[in-house]
Protein backbone atom coordinates (compact mmCIF):
# COMPACT_ATOMS: atom_id res chain seq x y z
CA MET A 1 34.41 267.02 17.24
CA ALA A 2 33.50 269.22 20.20
CA THR A 3 31.37 266.43 21.68
CA ALA A 4 34.22 263.94 21.27
CA ARG A 5 36.63 266.34 22.99
CA ARG A 6 34.21 266.78 25.90
CA ARG A 7 33.86 263.01 26.26
CA GLY A 8 37.62 262.63 26.17
CA ALA A 9 38.08 265.31 28.81
CA TYR A 10 35.42 263.67 30.97
CA LYS A 11 37.15 260.28 30.79
CA VAL A 12 40.47 261.88 31.67
CA GLY A 13 38.85 263.63 34.63
CA VAL A 14 37.24 260.43 35.92
CA ALA A 15 40.52 258.52 35.59
CA ARG A 16 42.48 261.26 37.34
CA ARG A 17 39.98 261.46 40.19
CA ALA A 18 40.20 257.68 40.66
CA LYS A 19 44.01 257.92 40.66
CA ILE A 20 43.87 260.62 43.36
CA VAL A 21 41.57 258.51 45.54
CA GLU A 22 43.77 255.44 45.09
CA SER A 23 46.88 257.44 46.02
CA ALA A 24 45.19 258.94 49.08
CA THR A 25 43.89 255.52 50.15
CA ARG A 26 47.36 254.02 49.87
CA GLN A 27 49.09 256.88 51.70
CA PHE A 28 46.44 257.18 54.43
CA ALA A 29 46.65 253.41 54.96
CA ALA A 30 50.44 253.49 55.25
CA ASP A 31 51.01 256.69 57.22
CA GLY A 32 47.64 257.69 58.71
CA TYR A 33 45.26 260.46 57.70
CA GLN A 34 46.78 263.13 59.94
CA ASN A 35 50.31 262.54 58.63
CA VAL A 36 49.63 262.87 54.91
CA SER A 37 49.37 266.30 53.26
CA MET A 38 47.44 267.28 50.17
CA ALA A 39 50.79 268.34 48.65
CA GLN A 40 52.12 264.79 49.06
CA ILE A 41 49.11 263.37 47.27
CA ALA A 42 49.36 265.93 44.46
CA LYS A 43 53.03 265.08 43.99
CA ASP A 44 52.30 261.34 43.92
CA VAL A 45 49.71 261.70 41.13
CA GLU A 46 51.88 264.26 39.32
CA ILE A 47 49.50 267.21 39.36
CA THR A 48 49.75 270.67 40.91
CA ASP A 49 48.29 271.53 44.29
CA SER A 50 45.66 273.67 42.55
CA GLY A 51 44.93 270.78 40.19
CA LEU A 52 44.21 268.54 43.17
CA LEU A 53 41.92 271.17 44.69
CA HIS A 54 39.95 271.22 41.42
CA TYR A 55 38.86 267.65 42.16
CA PHE A 56 38.79 267.84 45.97
CA PRO A 57 38.37 271.34 47.48
CA SER A 58 39.71 270.18 50.84
CA LYS A 59 41.36 267.23 52.56
CA HIS A 60 38.02 266.53 54.21
CA HIS A 61 36.35 266.08 50.80
CA LEU A 62 39.12 263.66 49.86
CA LEU A 63 38.63 261.79 53.13
CA LEU A 64 34.95 261.24 52.28
CA ALA A 65 35.93 259.85 48.88
CA VAL A 66 38.50 257.50 50.44
CA VAL A 67 36.03 256.16 52.99
CA HIS A 68 33.49 255.63 50.22
CA HIS A 69 36.17 253.77 48.26
CA ARG A 70 36.91 251.62 51.32
CA ILE A 71 33.23 250.70 51.72
CA GLU A 72 32.99 249.74 48.05
CA ALA A 73 36.13 247.60 48.34
CA ALA A 74 34.69 245.85 51.40
CA GLU A 75 31.41 245.20 49.57
CA GLU A 76 33.28 243.67 46.63
CA TRP A 77 35.26 241.50 49.06
CA TRP A 78 32.05 240.14 50.61
CA LYS A 79 30.44 239.47 47.22
CA ARG A 80 33.09 236.83 46.59
CA ILE A 81 31.51 234.67 49.33
CA PRO A 82 28.25 233.15 48.04
CA VAL A 83 25.21 233.13 50.31
CA GLU A 84 24.93 229.39 49.68
CA ALA A 85 28.27 228.86 51.46
CA GLY A 86 26.39 229.24 54.73
CA VAL A 87 26.56 231.34 57.88
CA VAL A 88 29.54 229.58 59.47
CA ALA A 89 31.50 230.31 56.28
CA MET A 90 30.35 233.93 56.51
CA LEU A 91 31.55 234.16 60.12
CA ARG A 92 34.91 232.71 59.13
CA ALA A 93 35.06 235.34 56.39
CA MET A 94 34.33 238.03 58.98
CA VAL A 95 37.48 236.94 60.81
CA GLU A 96 39.47 237.10 57.56
CA SER A 97 37.98 240.54 56.91
CA SER A 98 39.51 241.71 60.19
CA ARG A 99 42.85 240.34 59.03
CA TRP A 100 42.42 242.29 55.79
CA HIS A 101 41.70 245.46 57.75
CA LEU A 102 44.90 244.98 59.72
CA SER A 103 46.86 244.89 56.49
CA GLN A 104 45.75 248.51 56.03
CA PRO A 105 45.98 249.95 59.56
CA GLY A 106 45.71 253.55 58.40
CA LEU A 107 42.25 252.79 57.04
CA ILE A 108 41.12 251.54 60.45
CA GLU A 109 42.19 254.94 61.79
CA LEU A 110 40.16 256.56 59.00
CA PHE A 111 37.06 254.66 60.08
CA VAL A 112 37.41 256.07 63.60
CA VAL A 113 38.05 259.59 62.27
CA MET A 114 34.89 259.35 60.17
CA ALA A 115 32.66 257.79 62.84
CA SER A 116 31.61 261.11 64.38
CA GLU A 117 31.20 262.71 60.94
CA MET A 118 28.90 259.95 59.72
CA SER A 119 26.78 260.03 62.88
CA ASN A 120 26.14 263.79 62.63
CA PRO A 121 22.76 264.36 60.89
CA ALA A 122 23.97 267.80 59.74
CA SER A 123 26.88 266.29 57.81
CA ALA A 124 26.70 265.91 54.05
CA ALA A 125 28.06 262.39 54.51
CA HIS A 126 25.37 261.30 56.97
CA GLU A 127 22.63 260.31 54.51
CA VAL A 128 25.01 258.57 52.12
CA TYR A 129 26.65 256.42 54.76
CA ALA A 130 23.45 255.80 56.72
CA ARG A 131 21.98 254.35 53.52
CA GLN A 132 25.07 252.24 52.85
CA TYR A 133 25.12 251.05 56.46
CA GLU A 134 21.51 249.86 56.25
CA GLY A 135 22.38 248.09 53.00
CA VAL A 136 25.16 246.18 54.76
CA VAL A 137 22.81 245.27 57.62
CA GLU A 138 20.24 243.91 55.19
CA ALA A 139 22.86 241.93 53.23
CA ILE A 140 24.14 240.21 56.38
CA ALA A 141 20.62 239.67 57.73
CA GLY A 142 19.75 238.02 54.42
CA ARG A 143 22.57 235.53 54.93
CA PHE A 144 21.24 234.70 58.40
CA ARG A 145 17.72 234.24 56.97
CA TYR A 146 19.09 231.87 54.36
CA GLY A 147 20.79 229.94 57.16
CA VAL A 148 17.46 229.58 58.97
CA GLU A 149 15.67 228.49 55.80
CA SER A 150 18.36 225.95 54.90
CA GLY A 151 18.31 224.44 58.39
CA GLU A 152 21.85 225.50 59.25
CA LEU A 153 20.54 227.88 61.93
CA ARG A 154 17.91 227.53 64.62
CA ALA A 155 14.41 228.76 63.84
CA GLY A 156 13.06 231.96 65.37
CA LEU A 157 16.27 233.99 65.24
CA ASP A 158 16.12 237.78 64.93
CA CYS A 159 18.31 237.96 61.83
CA GLU A 160 18.43 241.75 61.65
CA ALA A 161 19.52 241.98 65.29
CA LEU A 162 22.25 239.40 64.64
CA ALA A 163 23.48 241.39 61.64
CA ARG A 164 23.64 244.59 63.70
CA GLU A 165 25.48 242.73 66.46
CA CYS A 166 28.15 241.50 64.04
CA ILE A 167 28.68 245.00 62.67
CA ALA A 168 28.72 246.55 66.15
CA VAL A 169 31.35 244.08 67.36
CA SER A 170 33.54 244.58 64.29
CA ASP A 171 33.30 248.38 64.38
CA GLY A 172 33.69 248.57 68.15
CA LEU A 173 36.77 246.37 68.18
CA GLN A 174 38.35 248.45 65.42
CA MET A 175 37.82 251.55 67.56
CA GLN A 176 39.37 249.83 70.58
CA TRP A 177 42.31 248.76 68.40
CA VAL A 178 42.94 252.41 67.53
CA LEU A 179 42.47 253.64 71.11
CA ARG A 180 44.94 251.01 72.36
CA ARG A 181 47.41 251.91 69.59
CA GLY A 182 47.27 248.44 68.12
CA ARG A 183 47.75 246.65 71.46
CA LEU A 184 44.70 244.48 70.85
CA ASP A 185 44.58 241.21 68.96
CA LEU A 186 41.80 242.30 66.65
CA VAL A 187 41.62 239.06 64.69
CA ALA A 188 41.49 236.91 67.85
CA ALA A 189 38.78 239.11 69.38
CA VAL A 190 36.59 238.96 66.27
CA ARG A 191 37.17 235.22 65.99
CA ALA A 192 36.15 234.64 69.63
CA HIS A 193 32.86 236.48 69.07
CA ALA A 194 32.17 234.70 65.77
CA ASP A 195 32.87 231.31 67.34
CA ARG A 196 30.55 231.99 70.32
CA LEU A 197 27.84 233.21 67.96
CA ALA A 198 28.15 230.16 65.70
CA ARG A 199 27.84 227.79 68.64
CA ALA A 200 24.75 229.64 69.89
CA ILE A 201 22.77 229.83 66.65
CA THR A 202 23.66 226.77 64.56
CA THR A 203 21.37 223.76 64.80
CA ASP A 204 24.28 221.43 65.56
CA GLY A 205 26.04 223.86 67.89
CA ARG A 206 29.25 223.81 65.86
CA GLY A 207 31.79 226.58 66.08
CA LEU A 208 34.20 227.85 63.47
CA THR A 209 36.71 225.02 63.77
CA GLU A 210 34.39 222.04 63.84
């Protein structure tokens, strides 16, 4: 009986933690990280302030969980696009990914807030996100390699460098979008880069619309 109670309590705890992260993600996305209080999140999930602090000792800890949740959601989004669809399809999906990010503008702000945290080797988040980042690089590079092997892309391409370029452009443009307070056509900018890249590396020189 005691073991069953412990298992039940554990399941309740996991579910409540997930509910907190989902609430924080939704509120941060709608109103921005700086404008949402821990009290608002506690009220939304119907627990006390001290109950929230039991799961997340500070707003910063909750921020780390939300960013992790965002990365997992992005990974799931990309998994829906098979490698066999090809690199041009992947680049089109990168444009749609930017559109998806814009539907949650507060989460773009979160990415910028976390950028300095993730780049600091002394941060507890550094190792976790550095590992995830390299995983994303390898996944995209693998799609480029498949494109070379299938004949869609030119031979001799540095697939890892291309993957890092795509990530750098996407991340950099998101930062510029925040710095310009949304006065940047993020989707158009990502599309322009993806189209130029497609024309440069495909064997038939086709862009995204051809």
